[in-house]
Protein backbone atom coordinates (compact mmCIF):
# COMPACT_ATOMS: atom_id res chain seq x y z
CA MET A 1 3.08 -26.28 3.83
CA THR A 2 1.09 -25.13 0.82
CA GLN A 3 -0.06 -21.53 0.88
CA SER A 4 -3.37 -20.49 -0.56
CA VAL A 5 -3.13 -18.32 -3.66
CA LYS A 6 -5.94 -16.04 -4.80
CA LEU A 7 -5.70 -13.77 -7.80
CA TYR A 8 -8.04 -10.89 -8.55
CA SER A 9 -7.84 -10.11 -12.24
CA LEU A 10 -9.54 -8.59 -15.26
CA SER A 11 -10.30 -10.87 -18.19
CA THR A 12 -8.74 -8.48 -20.73
CA CYS A 13 -5.62 -7.52 -18.73
CA SER A 14 -2.34 -8.73 -20.24
CA HIS A 15 -0.56 -8.50 -16.86
CA CYS A 16 -3.29 -10.63 -15.29
CA LYS A 17 -2.98 -13.22 -18.04
CA ALA A 18 0.80 -13.30 -17.56
CA ALA A 19 0.38 -13.82 -13.80
CA LYS A 20 -2.03 -16.71 -14.40
CA LYS A 21 0.40 -18.23 -16.91
CA PHE A 22 3.30 -17.90 -14.46
CA LEU A 23 1.34 -19.66 -11.71
CA SER A 24 0.15 -22.40 -14.08
CA ASP A 25 3.64 -22.88 -15.56
CA HIS A 26 4.96 -23.46 -12.03
CA ASN A 27 2.15 -25.89 -11.17
CA ILE A 28 0.78 -23.58 -8.49
CA GLN A 29 -2.85 -24.20 -7.63
CA TYR A 30 -4.68 -20.92 -7.39
CA GLU A 31 -8.14 -19.45 -7.29
CA PHE A 32 -8.88 -16.49 -9.51
CA ILE A 33 -11.69 -14.04 -9.92
CA ASP A 34 -12.11 -12.11 -13.17
CA VAL A 35 -13.72 -9.09 -11.53
CA ASP A 36 -14.99 -7.58 -14.80
CA LEU A 37 -17.01 -10.72 -15.58
CA LEU A 38 -18.99 -10.69 -12.31
CA ASP A 39 -22.52 -9.38 -12.05
CA THR A 40 -23.00 -5.93 -10.50
CA LEU A 41 -23.35 -6.96 -6.85
CA GLU A 42 -20.59 -9.57 -6.98
CA ARG A 43 -18.32 -7.07 -8.78
CA ALA A 44 -18.88 -4.42 -6.10
CA SER A 45 -18.06 -6.96 -3.40
CA ALA A 46 -14.91 -8.15 -5.20
CA ILE A 47 -13.72 -4.58 -5.75
CA ALA A 48 -14.23 -3.88 -2.03
CA ASP A 49 -12.11 -6.98 -1.28
CA VAL A 50 -9.37 -5.78 -3.65
CA ARG A 51 -9.39 -2.27 -2.13
CA ALA A 52 -9.03 -3.77 1.35
CA LEU A 53 -5.90 -5.61 0.16
CA ASN A 54 -4.61 -3.02 -2.30
CA PRO A 55 -6.04 0.49 -1.80
CA GLU A 56 -4.97 1.52 -5.31
CA CYS A 57 -7.22 -1.26 -6.68
CA THR A 58 -4.83 -2.31 -9.41
CA PHE A 59 -4.85 -5.61 -11.26
CA PRO A 60 -3.69 -8.21 -10.82
CA THR A 61 -3.88 -8.23 -7.05
CA ILE A 62 -2.49 -11.50 -5.73
CA LEU A 63 -2.88 -12.85 -2.23
CA ILE A 64 -0.35 -15.56 -1.32
CA GLY A 65 -0.97 -16.68 2.23
CA GLU A 66 -1.00 -13.32 4.05
CA LYS A 67 1.21 -11.52 1.49
CA VAL A 68 -0.38 -9.11 -0.99
CA ILE A 69 1.31 -8.48 -4.32
CA ALA A 70 0.00 -5.68 -6.52
CA GLY A 71 0.86 -6.25 -10.16
CA ASN A 72 2.54 -9.07 -12.01
CA ARG A 73 5.82 -8.90 -10.11
CA GLU A 74 7.37 -12.29 -10.75
CA ASP A 75 10.22 -11.71 -8.30
CA ALA A 76 7.77 -10.98 -5.46
CA ILE A 77 5.56 -13.92 -6.48
CA ARG A 78 8.56 -16.27 -6.53
CA GLU A 79 9.65 -15.06 -3.10
CA ALA A 80 6.16 -15.40 -1.58
CA LEU A 81 5.87 -18.92 -2.97
CA GLY A 82 9.38 -19.91 -1.88
CA LEU A 83 10.51 -20.55 -5.47
CA ILE A 84 13.79 -18.70 -5.06
C-alpha cells in the first residue's frame, strides 16, 4: 500500500531541498508546498496546518501517512516509508 507523502518546505531551506532530493532519489511520489512562496492568506493557512502537525513550526515538516517528521531526518523518513 502506498502512503501519501506531503512536505511543507521553504524554497530557500537547504534541509528542505535535501528532503525533496531524498524523496525524488528514491522514486517517492510526494506533494510539496513551499510555504514562503504562497500569497498571504494561503501562507497563513499553510502555517496553521504545519503548527497543527508540528507545534514548533520547523521546516521541513513531512507527513507520511499519519506519521509526522520534523526536519530532514533520513532515518525516520526511511522507516516511515518502509525503506529499511
